[in-house]
PDB file of all heavy atoms in Angstrom:
ATOM      1  N   ALA A   1       0.880  -1.100   0.016  1.00  0.00           N
ATOM      2  CA  ALA A   1      -0.043  -0.032  -0.070  1.00  0.00           C
ATOM      3  C   ALA A   1       0.862   1.289  -0.019  1.00  0.00           C
ATOM      4  O   ALA A   1       0.507   2.284  -0.628  1.00  0.00           O
ATOM      5  CB  ALA A   1      -0.965   0.046   1.267  1.00  0.00           C
ATOM      6  N   ILE A   2       1.994   1.215   0.738  1.00  0.00           N
ATOM      7  CA  ILE A   2       2.857   2.412   0.894  1.00  0.00           C
ATOM      8  C   ILE A   2       3.533   2.690  -0.453  1.00  0.00           C
ATOM      9  O   ILE A   2       3.649   3.882  -1.022  1.00  0.00           O
ATOM     10  CB  ILE A   2       3.993   2.224   1.901  1.00  0.00           C
ATOM     11  CG1 ILE A   2       3.259   2.264   3.237  1.00  0.00           C
ATOM     12  CG2 ILE A   2       5.124   3.294   1.884  1.00  0.00           C
ATOM     13  CD1 ILE A   2       4.257   1.813   4.436  1.00  0.00           C
ATOM     14  N   VAL A   3       3.981   1.558  -1.248  1.00  0.00           N
ATOM     15  CA  VAL A   3       4.685   1.880  -2.526  1.00  0.00           C
ATOM     16  C   VAL A   3       3.746   2.112  -3.614  1.00  0.00           C
ATOM     17  O   VAL A   3       4.215   2.735  -4.660  1.00  0.00           O
ATOM     18  CB  VAL A   3       5.616   0.715  -2.833  1.00  0.00           C
ATOM     19  CG1 VAL A   3       6.749   0.545  -1.839  1.00  0.00           C
ATOM     20  CG2 VAL A   3       4.983  -0.537  -3.018  1.00  0.00           C
ATOM     21  N   THR A   4       2.434   1.734  -3.496  1.00  0.00           N
ATOM     22  CA  THR A   4       1.473   1.880  -4.593  1.00  0.00           C
ATOM     23  C   THR A   4       1.050   3.299  -4.710  1.00  0.00           C
ATOM     24  O   THR A   4       0.875   3.820  -5.761  1.00  0.00           O
ATOM     25  CB  THR A   4       0.295   0.921  -4.398  1.00  0.00           C
ATOM     26  OG1 THR A   4       0.764  -0.391  -4.234  1.00  0.00           O
ATOM     27  CG2 THR A   4      -0.668   0.980  -5.471  1.00  0.00           C
ATOM     28  N   ASP A   5       0.849   3.905  -3.587  1.00  0.00           N
ATOM     29  CA  ASP A   5       0.389   5.331  -3.530  1.00  0.00           C
ATOM     30  C   ASP A   5       0.758   6.058  -2.245  1.00  0.00           C
ATOM     31  O   ASP A   5       1.282   5.500  -1.266  1.00  0.00           O
ATOM     32  CB  ASP A   5      -1.146   5.325  -3.676  1.00  0.00           C
ATOM     33  CG  ASP A   5      -1.721   6.594  -4.296  1.00  0.00           C
ATOM     34  OD1 ASP A   5      -0.988   7.538  -4.374  1.00  0.00           O
ATOM     35  OD2 ASP A   5      -2.946   6.594  -4.525  1.00  0.00           O
ATOM     36  N   SER A   6       0.588   7.268  -2.245  1.00  0.00           N
ATOM     37  CA  SER A   6       0.844   8.215  -1.089  1.00  0.00           C
ATOM     38  C   SER A   6      -0.366   8.201  -0.142  1.00  0.00           C
ATOM     39  O   SER A   6      -1.385   8.731  -0.514  1.00  0.00           O
ATOM     40  CB  SER A   6       1.261   9.644  -1.564  1.00  0.00           C
ATOM     41  OG  SER A   6       1.590  10.315  -0.414  1.00  0.00           O
ATOM     42  N   HIS A   7      -0.284   7.600   1.089  1.00  0.00           N
ATOM     43  CA  HIS A   7      -1.354   7.576   2.093  1.00  0.00           C
ATOM     44  C   HIS A   7      -0.892   8.065   3.406  1.00  0.00           C
ATOM     45  O   HIS A   7       0.230   7.639   3.772  1.00  0.00           O
ATOM     46  CB  HIS A   7      -1.897   6.004   2.176  1.00  0.00           C
ATOM     47  CG  HIS A   7      -2.403   5.503   0.793  1.00  0.00           C
ATOM     48  ND1 HIS A   7      -3.636   5.865   0.439  1.00  0.00           N
ATOM     49  CD2 HIS A   7      -1.951   4.524   0.110  1.00  0.00           C
ATOM     50  CE1 HIS A   7      -3.829   5.103  -0.781  1.00  0.00           C
ATOM     51  NE2 HIS A   7      -2.786   4.276  -0.905  1.00  0.00           N
ATOM     52  N   THR A   8      -1.640   8.766   4.095  1.00  0.00           N
ATOM     53  CA  THR A   8      -1.559   8.949   5.440  1.00  0.00           C
ATOM     54  C   THR A   8      -1.827   7.785   6.249  1.00  0.00           C
ATOM     55  O   THR A   8      -2.461   6.833   5.722  1.00  0.00           O
ATOM     56  CB  THR A   8      -2.399  10.144   5.993  1.00  0.00           C
ATOM     57  OG1 THR A   8      -3.741   9.809   5.893  1.00  0.00           O
ATOM     58  CG2 THR A   8      -2.145  11.401   5.244  1.00  0.00           C
ATOM     59  N   LEU A   9      -1.401   7.751   7.490  1.00  0.00           N
ATOM     60  CA  LEU A   9      -1.624   6.569   8.410  1.00  0.00           C
ATOM     61  C   LEU A   9      -3.155   6.342   8.487  1.00  0.00           C
ATOM     62  O   LEU A   9      -3.720   5.281   8.635  1.00  0.00           O
ATOM     63  CB  LEU A   9      -0.939   6.706   9.743  1.00  0.00           C
ATOM     64  CG  LEU A   9       0.371   6.018   9.908  1.00  0.00           C
ATOM     65  CD1 LEU A   9       1.361   6.700   8.863  1.00  0.00           C
ATOM     66  CD2 LEU A   9       0.885   6.247  11.240  1.00  0.00           C
ATOM     67  N   TYR A  10      -3.828   7.545   8.593  1.00  0.00           N
ATOM     68  CA  TYR A  10      -5.401   7.483   8.805  1.00  0.00           C
ATOM     69  C   TYR A  10      -6.000   6.731   7.607  1.00  0.00           C
ATOM     70  O   TYR A  10      -6.817   5.916   7.746  1.00  0.00           O
ATOM     71  CB  TYR A  10      -5.866   8.886   8.919  1.00  0.00           C
ATOM     72  CG  TYR A  10      -7.322   9.084   9.112  1.00  0.00           C
ATOM     73  CD1 TYR A  10      -7.940   8.940  10.455  1.00  0.00           C
ATOM     74  CD2 TYR A  10      -8.136   9.381   8.041  1.00  0.00           C
ATOM     75  CE1 TYR A  10      -9.351   8.995  10.544  1.00  0.00           C
ATOM     76  CE2 TYR A  10      -9.558   9.465   8.193  1.00  0.00           C
ATOM     77  CZ  TYR A  10     -10.056   9.330   9.391  1.00  0.00           C
ATOM     78  OH  TYR A  10     -11.427   9.410   9.593  1.00  0.00           O
ATOM     79  N   GLU A  11      -5.483   7.213   6.424  1.00  0.00           N
ATOM     80  CA  GLU A  11      -6.105   6.424   5.191  1.00  0.00           C
ATOM     81  C   GLU A  11      -5.730   4.889   5.199  1.00  0.00           C
ATOM     82  O   GLU A  11      -6.353   4.248   4.734  1.00  0.00           O
ATOM     83  CB  GLU A  11      -5.539   7.260   3.965  1.00  0.00           C
ATOM     84  CG  GLU A  11      -6.126   8.678   3.908  1.00  0.00           C
ATOM     85  CD  GLU A  11      -5.327   9.500   2.847  1.00  0.00           C
ATOM     86  OE1 GLU A  11      -4.168   9.209   2.531  1.00  0.00           O
ATOM     87  OE2 GLU A  11      -5.873  10.476   2.252  1.00  0.00           O
ATOM     88  N   LEU A  12      -4.453   4.671   5.499  1.00  0.00           N
ATOM     89  CA  LEU A  12      -3.906   3.290   5.505  1.00  0.00           C
ATOM     90  C   LEU A  12      -4.745   2.474   6.366  1.00  0.00           C
ATOM     91  O   LEU A  12      -5.014   1.296   6.047  1.00  0.00           O
ATOM     92  CB  LEU A  12      -2.488   3.293   5.820  1.00  0.00           C
ATOM     93  CG  LEU A  12      -1.340   3.465   4.855  1.00  0.00           C
ATOM     94  CD1 LEU A  12       0.003   3.487   5.547  1.00  0.00           C
ATOM     95  CD2 LEU A  12      -1.403   2.430   3.707  1.00  0.00           C
ATOM     96  N   SER A  13      -5.093   2.971   7.593  1.00  0.00           N
ATOM     97  CA  SER A  13      -5.754   2.118   8.611  1.00  0.00           C
ATOM     98  C   SER A  13      -7.160   1.727   7.948  1.00  0.00           C
ATOM     99  O   SER A  13      -7.602   0.672   8.220  1.00  0.00           O
ATOM    100  CB  SER A  13      -5.949   2.867   9.828  1.00  0.00           C
ATOM    101  OG  SER A  13      -6.762   3.956   9.827  1.00  0.00           O
ATOM    102  N   HIS A  14      -7.790   2.675   7.342  1.00  0.00           N
ATOM    103  CA  HIS A  14      -9.119   2.324   6.606  1.00  0.00           C
ATOM    104  C   HIS A  14      -8.892   1.324   5.430  1.00  0.00           C
ATOM    105  O   HIS A  14      -9.690   0.483   5.298  1.00  0.00           O
ATOM    106  CB  HIS A  14      -9.686   3.644   6.148  1.00  0.00           C
ATOM    107  CG  HIS A  14     -10.360   4.429   7.260  1.00  0.00           C
ATOM    108  ND1 HIS A  14      -9.656   5.171   8.128  1.00  0.00           N
ATOM    109  CD2 HIS A  14     -11.668   4.407   7.766  1.00  0.00           C
ATOM    110  CE1 HIS A  14     -10.461   5.720   9.088  1.00  0.00           C
ATOM    111  NE2 HIS A  14     -11.760   5.273   8.861  1.00  0.00           N
ATOM    112  N   GLN A  15      -7.963   1.678   4.633  1.00  0.00           N
ATOM    113  CA  GLN A  15      -7.730   0.717   3.582  1.00  0.00           C
ATOM    114  C   GLN A  15      -7.386  -0.672   3.884  1.00  0.00           C
ATOM    115  O   GLN A  15      -7.848  -1.610   3.130  1.00  0.00           O
ATOM    116  CB  GLN A  15      -6.486   1.301   2.560  1.00  0.00           C
ATOM    117  CG  GLN A  15      -6.327   0.624   1.324  1.00  0.00           C
ATOM    118  CD  GLN A  15      -5.119   1.168   0.623  1.00  0.00           C
ATOM    119  OE1 GLN A  15      -4.918   2.397   0.702  1.00  0.00           O
ATOM    120  NE2 GLN A  15      -4.392   0.372  -0.164  1.00  0.00           N
ATOM    121  N   LEU A  16      -6.616  -0.832   4.941  1.00  0.00           N
ATOM    122  CA  LEU A  16      -6.073  -2.052   5.328  1.00  0.00           C
ATOM    123  C   LEU A  16      -6.925  -2.712   6.391  1.00  0.00           C
ATOM    124  O   LEU A  16      -6.758  -3.928   6.819  1.00  0.00           O
ATOM    125  CB  LEU A  16      -4.609  -2.084   5.728  1.00  0.00           C
ATOM    126  CG  LEU A  16      -3.575  -1.525   4.760  1.00  0.00           C
ATOM    127  CD1 LEU A  16      -2.284  -1.253   5.384  1.00  0.00           C
ATOM    128  CD2 LEU A  16      -3.403  -2.652   3.617  1.00  0.00           C
ATOM    129  N   ASN A  17      -7.921  -1.996   6.827  1.00  0.00           N
ATOM    130  CA  ASN A  17      -8.860  -2.480   7.915  1.00  0.00           C
ATOM    131  C   ASN A  17      -8.097  -2.865   9.202  1.00  0.00           C
ATOM    132  O   ASN A  17      -8.305  -3.930   9.645  1.00  0.00           O
ATOM    133  CB  ASN A  17      -9.706  -3.655   7.376  1.00  0.00           C
ATOM    134  CG  ASN A  17     -10.883  -3.815   8.285  1.00  0.00           C
ATOM    135  OD1 ASN A  17     -11.441  -2.947   8.971  1.00  0.00           O
ATOM    136  ND2 ASN A  17     -11.397  -5.088   8.248  1.00  0.00           N
ATOM    137  N   LEU A  18      -7.199  -2.031   9.498  1.00  0.00           N
ATOM    138  CA  LEU A  18      -6.346  -2.184  10.667  1.00  0.00           C
ATOM    139  C   LEU A  18      -6.634  -1.047  11.708  1.00  0.00           C
ATOM    140  O   LEU A  18      -6.634   0.162  11.290  1.00  0.00           O
ATOM    141  CB  LEU A  18      -4.840  -2.273  10.343  1.00  0.00           C
ATOM    142  CG  LEU A  18      -4.296  -3.398   9.713  1.00  0.00           C
ATOM    143  CD1 LEU A  18      -2.833  -3.206   9.294  1.00  0.00           C
ATOM    144  CD2 LEU A  18      -4.457  -4.611  10.497  1.00  0.00           C
ATOM    145  N   LYS A  19      -6.871  -1.285  12.851  1.00  0.00           N
ATOM    146  CA  LYS A  19      -6.952  -0.154  13.912  1.00  0.00           C
ATOM    147  C   LYS A  19      -5.618   0.551  14.174  1.00  0.00           C
ATOM    148  O   LYS A  19      -4.573  -0.003  13.862  1.00  0.00           O
ATOM    149  CB  LYS A  19      -7.423  -0.756  15.203  1.00  0.00           C
ATOM    150  CG  LYS A  19      -8.837  -1.246  15.193  1.00  0.00           C
ATOM    151  CD  LYS A  19      -9.409  -1.812  16.495  1.00  0.00           C
ATOM    152  CE  LYS A  19     -10.844  -2.261  16.486  1.00  0.00           C
ATOM    153  NZ  LYS A  19     -11.327  -2.661  17.778  1.00  0.00           N
ATOM    154  N   MET A  20      -5.764   1.829  14.415  1.00  0.00           N
ATOM    155  CA  MET A  20      -4.541   2.662  14.376  1.00  0.00           C
ATOM    156  C   MET A  20      -3.535   2.126  15.406  1.00  0.00           C
ATOM    157  O   MET A  20      -2.191   2.084  15.022  1.00  0.00           O
ATOM    158  CB  MET A  20      -4.934   4.075  14.810  1.00  0.00           C
ATOM    159  CG  MET A  20      -3.771   5.111  14.677  1.00  0.00           C
ATOM    160  SD  MET A  20      -3.185   5.222  12.882  1.00  0.00           S
ATOM    161  CE  MET A  20      -4.578   5.978  12.067  1.00  0.00           C
ATOM    162  N   PRO A  21      -3.746   1.663  16.546  1.00  0.00           N
ATOM    163  CA  PRO A  21      -2.726   1.116  17.517  1.00  0.00           C
ATOM    164  C   PRO A  21      -2.047  -0.119  16.822  1.00  0.00           C
ATOM    165  O   PRO A  21      -0.782  -0.249  16.949  1.00  0.00           O
ATOM    166  CB  PRO A  21      -3.478   0.715  18.742  1.00  0.00           C
ATOM    167  CG  PRO A  21      -4.672   1.628  18.713  1.00  0.00           C
ATOM    168  CD  PRO A  21      -5.105   1.742  17.352  1.00  0.00           C
ATOM    169  N   THR A  22      -2.790  -0.851  16.092  1.00  0.00           N
ATOM    170  CA  THR A  22      -2.215  -2.092  15.540  1.00  0.00           C
ATOM    171  C   THR A  22      -1.386  -1.699  14.296  1.00  0.00           C
ATOM    172  O   THR A  22      -0.201  -2.166  14.114  1.00  0.00           O
ATOM    173  CB  THR A  22      -3.324  -3.053  14.925  1.00  0.00           C
ATOM    174  OG1 THR A  22      -4.244  -3.316  15.954  1.00  0.00           O
ATOM    175  CG2 THR A  22      -2.784  -4.299  14.408  1.00  0.00           C
ATOM    176  N   LEU A  23      -1.841  -0.687  13.452  1.00  0.00           N
ATOM    177  CA  LEU A  23      -0.983  -0.245  12.429  1.00  0.00           C
ATOM    178  C   LEU A  23       0.341   0.411  12.921  1.00  0.00           C
ATOM    179  O   LEU A  23       1.332   0.137  12.368  1.00  0.00           O
ATOM    180  CB  LEU A  23      -1.802   0.770  11.523  1.00  0.00           C
ATOM    181  CG  LEU A  23      -1.120   1.345  10.446  1.00  0.00           C
ATOM    182  CD1 LEU A  23      -0.667   0.319   9.268  1.00  0.00           C
ATOM    183  CD2 LEU A  23      -2.012   2.400   9.731  1.00  0.00           C
ATOM    184  N   ASN A  24       0.173   1.123  13.897  1.00  0.00           N
ATOM    185  CA  ASN A  24       1.404   1.798  14.470  1.00  0.00           C
ATOM    186  C   ASN A  24       2.404   0.803  14.920  1.00  0.00           C
ATOM    187  O   ASN A  24       3.562   0.967  14.873  1.00  0.00           O
ATOM    188  CB  ASN A  24       0.978   2.669  15.692  1.00  0.00           C
ATOM    189  CG  ASN A  24       0.671   4.228  15.265  1.00  0.00           C
ATOM    190  OD1 ASN A  24       1.338   4.669  14.393  1.00  0.00           O
ATOM    191  ND2 ASN A  24      -0.273   4.728  15.844  1.00  0.00           N
ATOM    192  N   HIS A  25       1.825  -0.301  15.487  1.00  0.00           N
ATOM    193  CA  HIS A  25       2.860  -1.364  16.022  1.00  0.00           C
ATOM    194  C   HIS A  25       3.733  -1.977  14.873  1.00  0.00           C
ATOM    195  O   HIS A  25       4.909  -2.134  15.140  1.00  0.00           O
ATOM    196  CB  HIS A  25       1.858  -2.536  16.668  1.00  0.00           C
ATOM    197  CG  HIS A  25       2.673  -3.741  17.034  1.00  0.00           C
ATOM    198  ND1 HIS A  25       3.558  -3.795  18.056  1.00  0.00           N
ATOM    199  CD2 HIS A  25       2.670  -4.918  16.402  1.00  0.00           C
ATOM    200  CE1 HIS A  25       4.113  -5.069  18.144  1.00  0.00           C
ATOM    201  NE2 HIS A  25       3.512  -5.742  17.094  1.00  0.00           N
ATOM    202  N   TYR A  26       3.001  -2.214  13.843  1.00  0.00           N
ATOM    203  CA  TYR A  26       3.671  -2.726  12.593  1.00  0.00           C
ATOM    204  C   TYR A  26       4.614  -1.696  12.007  1.00  0.00           C
ATOM    205  O   TYR A  26       5.752  -2.099  11.662  1.00  0.00           O
ATOM    206  CB  TYR A  26       2.758  -3.179  11.574  1.00  0.00           C
ATOM    207  CG  TYR A  26       1.990  -4.468  11.861  1.00  0.00           C
ATOM    208  CD1 TYR A  26       0.532  -4.467  11.990  1.00  0.00           C
ATOM    209  CD2 TYR A  26       2.515  -5.661  12.165  1.00  0.00           C
ATOM    210  CE1 TYR A  26      -0.192  -5.541  12.260  1.00  0.00           C
ATOM    211  CE2 TYR A  26       1.864  -6.813  12.403  1.00  0.00           C
ATOM    212  CZ  TYR A  26       0.496  -6.744  12.540  1.00  0.00           C
ATOM    213  OH  TYR A  26      -0.153  -7.901  12.840  1.00  0.00           O
TER     214      TYR A  26
END
């Protein structure tokens, strides 16, 4: 997702269906 397009973490969490704390962990 990062290399495909420019996304904020907020957008990434929705796109990947990951909660923000989980996404931050990764």
